[in-house]
C-alpha atoms as a PDB file:
ATOM      1  CA  UNK A   1      65.289 152.968  92.589  1.00  0.00           C
ATOM      2  CA  UNK A   2      62.896 150.054  93.211  1.00  0.00           C
ATOM      3  CA  UNK A   3      59.847 150.232  95.459  1.00  0.00           C
ATOM      4  CA  UNK A   4      58.078 147.050  96.499  1.00  0.00           C
ATOM      5  CA  UNK A   5      54.607 146.902  98.123  1.00  0.00           C
ATOM      6  CA  UNK A   6      54.618 144.694 101.245  1.00  0.00           C
ATOM      7  CA  UNK A   7      51.162 143.252 100.768  1.00  0.00           C
ATOM      8  CA  UNK A   8      50.251 143.576  97.124  1.00  0.00           C
ATOM      9  CA  UNK A   9      51.966 142.122  94.052  1.00  0.00           C
ATOM     10  CA  UNK A  10      53.300 145.504  92.884  1.00  0.00           C
ATOM     11  CA  UNK A  11      56.810 146.733  92.178  1.00  0.00           C
ATOM     12  CA  UNK A  12      57.819 150.130  90.843  1.00  0.00           C
ATOM     13  CA  UNK A  13      61.178 150.926  89.312  1.00  0.00           C
ATOM     14  CA  UNK A  14      62.107 154.616  88.929  1.00  0.00           C
ATOM     15  CA  UNK A  15      64.822 155.803  86.580  1.00  0.00           C
ATOM     16  CA  UNK A  16      66.274 159.328  86.886  1.00  0.00           C
ATOM     17  CA  UNK A  17      69.018 161.088  84.961  1.00  0.00           C
ATOM     18  CA  UNK A  18      68.605 158.538  82.121  1.00  0.00           C
ATOM     19  CA  UNK A  19      71.634 158.597  79.713  1.00  0.00           C
ATOM     20  CA  UNK A  20      72.416 156.924  76.457  1.00  0.00           C
ATOM     21  CA  UNK A  21      75.942 156.585  75.061  1.00  0.00           C
ATOM     22  CA  UNK A  22      77.364 154.644  72.203  1.00  0.00           C
ATOM     23  CA  UNK A  23      80.862 156.204  72.557  1.00  0.00           C
ATOM     24  CA  UNK A  24      80.199 158.526  69.630  1.00  0.00           C
ATOM     25  CA  UNK A  25      76.978 160.203  70.716  1.00  0.00           C
ATOM     26  CA  UNK A  26      75.682 160.698  74.198  1.00  0.00           C
ATOM     27  CA  UNK A  27      72.417 162.017  75.575  1.00  0.00           C
ATOM     28  CA  UNK A  28      71.570 162.737  79.231  1.00  0.00           C
ATOM     29  CA  UNK A  29      68.002 163.550  80.307  1.00  0.00           C
ATOM     30  CA  UNK A  30      68.315 165.303  83.584  1.00  0.00           C
ATOM     31  CA  UNK A  31      64.665 166.456  83.721  1.00  0.00           C
ATOM     32  CA  UNK A  32      63.044 163.112  82.943  1.00  0.00           C
ATOM     33  CA  UNK A  33      61.787 160.468  85.317  1.00  0.00           C
ATOM     34  CA  UNK A  34      60.563 157.087  84.034  1.00  0.00           C
ATOM     35  CA  UNK A  35      58.526 154.999  86.409  1.00  0.00           C
ATOM     36  CA  UNK A  36      57.721 151.420  85.439  1.00  0.00           C
ATOM     37  CA  UNK A  37      54.988 149.594  87.308  1.00  0.00           C
ATOM     38  CA  UNK A  38      55.126 145.807  87.432  1.00  0.00           C
ATOM     39  CA  UNK A  39      52.022 144.105  88.647  1.00  0.00           C
ATOM     40  CA  UNK A  40      49.533 141.330  88.104  1.00  0.00           C
ATOM     41  CA  UNK A  41      47.628 141.603  84.872  1.00  0.00           C
ATOM     42  CA  UNK A  42      44.346 141.886  86.704  1.00  0.00           C
ATOM     43  CA  UNK A  43      45.560 144.597  89.047  1.00  0.00           C
ATOM     44  CA  UNK A  44      44.489 147.763  87.144  1.00  0.00           C
ATOM     45  CA  UNK A  45      44.412 150.247  89.948  1.00  0.00           C
ATOM     46  CA  UNK A  46      47.458 149.840  92.161  1.00  0.00           C
ATOM     47  CA  UNK A  47      48.386 152.276  94.825  1.00  0.00           C
ATOM     48  CA  UNK A  48      51.113 153.881  92.679  1.00  0.00           C
ATOM     49  CA  UNK A  49      48.942 154.140  89.596  1.00  0.00           C
ATOM     50  CA  UNK A  50      46.201 155.786  91.692  1.00  0.00           C
ATOM     51  CA  UNK A  51      48.805 158.310  93.019  1.00  0.00           C
ATOM     52  CA  UNK A  52      49.918 159.087  89.446  1.00  0.00           C
ATOM     53  CA  UNK A  53      46.339 159.619  88.284  1.00  0.00           C
ATOM     54  CA  UNK A  54      45.651 161.914  91.308  1.00  0.00           C
ATOM     55  CA  UNK A  55      48.547 164.143  90.200  1.00  0.00           C
ATOM     56  CA  UNK A  56      47.435 163.995  86.480  1.00  0.00           C
ATOM     57  CA  UNK A  57      50.522 162.043  85.315  1.00  0.00           C
ATOM     58  CA  UNK A  58      49.539 159.858  82.394  1.00  0.00           C
ATOM     59  CA  UNK A  59      50.820 156.434  81.338  1.00  0.00           C
ATOM     60  CA  UNK A  60      52.689 155.796  78.238  1.00  0.00           C
ATOM     61  CA  UNK A  61      54.632 153.031  76.496  1.00  0.00           C
ATOM     62  CA  UNK A  62      58.391 153.207  76.039  1.00  0.00           C
ATOM     63  CA  UNK A  63      61.313 151.034  75.119  1.00  0.00           C
ATOM     64  CA  UNK A  64      64.403 152.534  76.698  1.00  0.00           C
ATOM     65  CA  UNK A  65      66.640 150.403  74.444  1.00  0.00           C
ATOM     66  CA  UNK A  66      64.890 151.583  71.268  1.00  0.00           C
ATOM     67  CA  UNK A  67      64.945 155.200  72.488  1.00  0.00           C
ATOM     68  CA  UNK A  68      68.689 155.028  73.104  1.00  0.00           C
ATOM     69  CA  UNK A  69      69.289 153.397  69.716  1.00  0.00           C
ATOM     70  CA  UNK A  70      67.226 156.105  67.909  1.00  0.00           C
ATOM     71  CA  UNK A  71      69.057 158.847  69.761  1.00  0.00           C
ATOM     72  CA  UNK A  72      72.671 157.653  69.444  1.00  0.00           C
ATOM     73  CA  UNK A  73      72.567 156.224  65.892  1.00  0.00           C
ATOM     74  CA  UNK A  74      71.541 159.049  63.628  1.00  0.00           C
ATOM     75  CA  UNK A  75      71.555 156.940  60.480  1.00  0.00           C
ATOM     76  CA  UNK A  76      68.947 154.383  61.544  1.00  0.00           C
ATOM     77  CA  UNK A  77      65.231 154.852  60.667  1.00  0.00           C
ATOM     78  CA  UNK A  78      63.258 156.310  63.552  1.00  0.00           C
ATOM     79  CA  UNK A  79      60.103 157.712  62.157  1.00  0.00           C
ATOM     80  CA  UNK A  80      57.978 155.685  64.648  1.00  0.00           C
ATOM     81  CA  UNK A  81      59.971 157.196  67.563  1.00  0.00           C
ATOM     82  CA  UNK A  82      59.980 160.838  66.405  1.00  0.00           C
ATOM     83  CA  UNK A  83      56.981 162.073  68.463  1.00  0.00           C
ATOM     84  CA  UNK A  84      58.428 160.480  71.671  1.00  0.00           C
ATOM     85  CA  UNK A  85      61.932 161.787  70.943  1.00  0.00           C
ATOM     86  CA  UNK A  86      60.602 165.294  70.376  1.00  0.00           C
ATOM     87  CA  UNK A  87      58.703 165.077  73.667  1.00  0.00           C
ATOM     88  CA  UNK A  88      61.805 163.979  75.570  1.00  0.00           C
ATOM     89  CA  UNK A  89      63.941 166.609  74.042  1.00  0.00           C
ATOM     90  CA  UNK A  90      61.339 169.272  74.874  1.00  0.00           C
ATOM     91  CA  UNK A  91      61.339 168.034  78.509  1.00  0.00           C
ATOM     92  CA  UNK A  92      65.105 168.049  78.650  1.00  0.00           C
ATOM     93  CA  UNK A  93      65.510 171.518  77.324  1.00  0.00           C
ATOM     94  CA  UNK A  94      63.217 173.130  79.901  1.00  0.00           C
END
């Protein structure tokens, strides 16, 4: 889903039911929502970010590609991704 602000240079993409599949291993995150805010570099407090802050939802960095690779290819090194992967798996198992 993509939301675009009519007046400000802000765009939000929202991913739900994110899934990764390499035809051997598959993961589906039904309880995870990823919202990506695209804005001008100088626009720190956009309407969407203010709404997230109001609801105590914190920002974080993420590469969906790297996450999918780390999940679906068990033999690759993924030490840097383990904290985030554990967090996602905890959310998904609720």
